[in-house]
Amino acid sequence: MASKGLMAASTKPLILSILKEGKNYGYNITQRVKELSGGLLEWSDGMLYPVLHRLERDGFITSEWIITDSDRRRKYYSITESGKKELIMEKENWLNVHAMLAQLWGLKPSF
């Protein structure tokens, strides 16, 4: 299990990366994170939705209510052009940190 600090720091790039794959809704985002991490990261609704609201307020994502085939309303989120630019910056930052830690720990970078 990842530390709370690492989980908090990784929410923005993870959410933006998942939404870059296509529009998605909250529960499915948490399941995708769980799947990608092999179960190491499990996000709660209480952790996810404040981040989604902040990303929307910052203009990195948008949301829309969609009626599903089963007549259920579901809020879907999509990445904006501004969000795609932010994701590029986030990726550069994470890769830089990864490279520094790999160097300090005597590891060969995996990218």
C-alpha atoms as a PDB file:
ATOM      1  CA  MET A   1       0.000   0.000   0.000  1.00  0.00           C
ATOM      2  CA  ALA A   2       1.310   3.453  -0.931  1.00  0.00           C
ATOM      3  CA  SER A   3       1.700   6.133   1.732  1.00  0.00           C
ATOM      4  CA  LYS A   4      -0.983   8.806   2.047  1.00  0.00           C
ATOM      5  CA  GLY A   5       1.454  11.457   0.853  1.00  0.00           C
ATOM      6  CA  LEU A   6       2.366   9.524  -2.281  1.00  0.00           C
ATOM      7  CA  MET A   7      -1.289   8.755  -2.945  1.00  0.00           C
ATOM      8  CA  ALA A   8      -2.216  12.417  -2.616  1.00  0.00           C
ATOM      9  CA  ALA A   9       0.629  13.526  -4.886  1.00  0.00           C
ATOM     10  CA  SER A  10      -0.256  11.002  -7.565  1.00  0.00           C
ATOM     11  CA  THR A  11      -3.994  11.705  -7.853  1.00  0.00           C
ATOM     12  CA  LYS A  12      -3.746  14.538 -10.380  1.00  0.00           C
ATOM     13  CA  PRO A  13      -1.485  12.802 -12.920  1.00  0.00           C
ATOM     14  CA  LEU A  14      -3.343   9.508 -12.522  1.00  0.00           C
ATOM     15  CA  ILE A  15      -6.778  11.033 -13.049  1.00  0.00           C
ATOM     16  CA  LEU A  16      -5.634  13.127 -16.008  1.00  0.00           C
ATOM     17  CA  SER A  17      -3.935  10.085 -17.562  1.00  0.00           C
ATOM     18  CA  ILE A  18      -7.051   7.939 -17.142  1.00  0.00           C
ATOM     19  CA  LEU A  19      -9.236  10.658 -18.641  1.00  0.00           C
ATOM     20  CA  LYS A  20      -6.814  11.021 -21.555  1.00  0.00           C
ATOM     21  CA  GLU A  21      -7.876   7.450 -22.445  1.00  0.00           C
ATOM     22  CA  GLY A  22     -11.466   8.713 -22.751  1.00  0.00           C
ATOM     23  CA  LYS A  23     -14.410  10.063 -20.787  1.00  0.00           C
ATOM     24  CA  ASN A  24     -15.042   8.213 -17.537  1.00  0.00           C
ATOM     25  CA  TYR A  25     -17.040   8.334 -14.295  1.00  0.00           C
ATOM     26  CA  GLY A  26     -15.970   8.282 -10.655  1.00  0.00           C
ATOM     27  CA  TYR A  27     -16.456   4.654  -9.703  1.00  0.00           C
ATOM     28  CA  ASN A  28     -14.796   3.452 -12.888  1.00  0.00           C
ATOM     29  CA  ILE A  29     -11.829   5.786 -12.279  1.00  0.00           C
ATOM     30  CA  THR A  30     -11.280   4.246  -8.832  1.00  0.00           C
ATOM     31  CA  GLN A  31     -11.497   0.751 -10.329  1.00  0.00           C
ATOM     32  CA  ARG A  32      -9.010   1.668 -13.079  1.00  0.00           C
ATOM     33  CA  VAL A  33      -6.534   2.941 -10.465  1.00  0.00           C
ATOM     34  CA  LYS A  34      -6.952  -0.267  -8.477  1.00  0.00           C
ATOM     35  CA  GLU A  35      -6.431  -2.335 -11.635  1.00  0.00           C
ATOM     36  CA  LEU A  36      -3.360  -0.366 -12.790  1.00  0.00           C
ATOM     37  CA  SER A  37      -1.748  -0.586  -9.354  1.00  0.00           C
ATOM     38  CA  GLY A  38      -2.440  -4.277  -8.901  1.00  0.00           C
ATOM     39  CA  GLY A  39      -4.551  -3.400  -5.878  1.00  0.00           C
ATOM     40  CA  LEU A  40      -1.863  -1.315  -4.150  1.00  0.00           C
ATOM     41  CA  LEU A  41      -3.862   1.904  -4.536  1.00  0.00           C
ATOM     42  CA  GLU A  42      -7.484   1.934  -3.447  1.00  0.00           C
ATOM     43  CA  TRP A  43      -9.196   5.293  -3.606  1.00  0.00           C
ATOM     44  CA  SER A  44     -12.342   6.114  -1.680  1.00  0.00           C
ATOM     45  CA  ASP A  45     -15.118   8.391  -2.907  1.00  0.00           C
ATOM     46  CA  GLY A  46     -14.139  10.838  -0.179  1.00  0.00           C
ATOM     47  CA  MET A  47     -10.671  11.104  -1.665  1.00  0.00           C
ATOM     48  CA  LEU A  48     -11.598  11.080  -5.373  1.00  0.00           C
ATOM     49  CA  TYR A  49     -14.457  13.558  -5.668  1.00  0.00           C
ATOM     50  CA  PRO A  50     -12.757  16.563  -4.036  1.00  0.00           C
ATOM     51  CA  VAL A  51      -9.858  16.080  -6.480  1.00  0.00           C
ATOM     52  CA  LEU A  52     -12.253  15.818  -9.446  1.00  0.00           C
ATOM     53  CA  HIS A  53     -13.998  19.016  -8.314  1.00  0.00           C
ATOM     54  CA  ARG A  54     -10.658  20.828  -7.960  1.00  0.00           C
ATOM     55  CA  LEU A  55      -9.483  19.666 -11.393  1.00  0.00           C
ATOM     56  CA  GLU A  56     -12.763  20.865 -12.868  1.00  0.00           C
ATOM     57  CA  ARG A  57     -12.516  24.212 -11.069  1.00  0.00           C
ATOM     58  CA  ASP A  58      -8.950  24.584 -12.399  1.00  0.00           C
ATOM     59  CA  GLY A  59     -10.182  23.937 -15.942  1.00  0.00           C
ATOM     60  CA  PHE A  60      -8.286  20.655 -16.431  1.00  0.00           C
ATOM     61  CA  ILE A  61     -11.437  18.532 -16.775  1.00  0.00           C
ATOM     62  CA  THR A  62     -15.124  19.034 -17.570  1.00  0.00           C
ATOM     63  CA  SER A  63     -18.143  17.014 -16.494  1.00  0.00           C
ATOM     64  CA  GLU A  64     -21.538  16.147 -17.891  1.00  0.00           C
ATOM     65  CA  TRP A  65     -24.480  14.113 -16.680  1.00  0.00           C
ATOM     66  CA  ILE A  66     -25.347  11.215 -18.967  1.00  0.00           C
ATOM     67  CA  ILE A  67     -28.328   8.879 -18.751  1.00  0.00           C
ATOM     68  CA  THR A  68     -27.128   5.284 -19.047  1.00  0.00           C
ATOM     69  CA  ASP A  69     -28.913   2.450 -20.828  1.00  0.00           C
ATOM     70  CA  SER A  70     -30.413   1.473 -17.480  1.00  0.00           C
ATOM     71  CA  ASP A  71     -31.919   4.991 -17.053  1.00  0.00           C
ATOM     72  CA  ARG A  72     -29.344   5.910 -14.419  1.00  0.00           C
ATOM     73  CA  ARG A  73     -27.796   9.360 -14.309  1.00  0.00           C
ATOM     74  CA  ARG A  74     -24.039   9.204 -14.166  1.00  0.00           C
ATOM     75  CA  LYS A  75     -21.557  12.089 -14.118  1.00  0.00           C
ATOM     76  CA  TYR A  76     -18.814  11.610 -16.707  1.00  0.00           C
ATOM     77  CA  TYR A  77     -15.539  13.522 -16.706  1.00  0.00           C
ATOM     78  CA  SER A  78     -13.376  14.463 -19.705  1.00  0.00           C
ATOM     79  CA  ILE A  79      -9.930  16.012 -19.967  1.00  0.00           C
ATOM     80  CA  THR A  80      -9.676  19.486 -21.524  1.00  0.00           C
ATOM     81  CA  GLU A  81      -6.909  20.866 -23.737  1.00  0.00           C
ATOM     82  CA  SER A  82      -5.598  22.689 -20.667  1.00  0.00           C
ATOM     83  CA  GLY A  83      -5.666  19.366 -18.802  1.00  0.00           C
ATOM     84  CA  LYS A  84      -3.638  17.702 -21.560  1.00  0.00           C
ATOM     85  CA  LYS A  85      -0.989  20.433 -21.268  1.00  0.00           C
ATOM     86  CA  GLU A  86      -0.985  20.033 -17.483  1.00  0.00           C
ATOM     87  CA  LEU A  87      -0.556  16.277 -17.888  1.00  0.00           C
ATOM     88  CA  ILE A  88       2.557  16.836 -20.034  1.00  0.00           C
ATOM     89  CA  MET A  89       4.047  18.981 -17.250  1.00  0.00           C
ATOM     90  CA  GLU A  90       3.072  16.434 -14.588  1.00  0.00           C
ATOM     91  CA  LYS A  91       4.686  13.653 -16.610  1.00  0.00           C
ATOM     92  CA  GLU A  92       7.935  15.612 -16.961  1.00  0.00           C
ATOM     93  CA  ASN A  93       7.989  16.307 -13.205  1.00  0.00           C
ATOM     94  CA  TRP A  94       7.389  12.661 -12.275  1.00  0.00           C
ATOM     95  CA  LEU A  95      10.011  11.417 -14.738  1.00  0.00           C
ATOM     96  CA  ASN A  96      12.543  13.883 -13.326  1.00  0.00           C
ATOM     97  CA  VAL A  97      11.867  12.746  -9.761  1.00  0.00           C
ATOM     98  CA  HIS A  98      12.043   9.103 -10.864  1.00  0.00           C
ATOM     99  CA  ALA A  99      15.399   9.686 -12.577  1.00  0.00           C
ATOM    100  CA  MET A 100      16.839  11.409  -9.497  1.00  0.00           C
ATOM    101  CA  LEU A 101      15.698   8.655  -7.146  1.00  0.00           C
ATOM    102  CA  ALA A 102      16.979   5.957  -9.519  1.00  0.00           C
ATOM    103  CA  GLN A 103      20.363   7.687  -9.541  1.00  0.00           C
ATOM    104  CA  LEU A 104      20.461   8.058  -5.767  1.00  0.00           C
ATOM    105  CA  TRP A 105      19.429   4.447  -5.226  1.00  0.00           C
ATOM    106  CA  GLY A 106      21.826   3.082  -7.834  1.00  0.00           C
ATOM    107  CA  LEU A 107      19.044   1.835 -10.094  1.00  0.00           C
ATOM    108  CA  LYS A 108      18.963   1.863 -13.868  1.00  0.00           C
ATOM    109  CA  PRO A 109      16.071   4.009 -15.142  1.00  0.00           C
ATOM    110  CA  SER A 110      13.344   1.828 -16.620  1.00  0.00           C
ATOM    111  CA  PHE A 111      12.374   4.211 -19.397  1.00  0.00           C
END
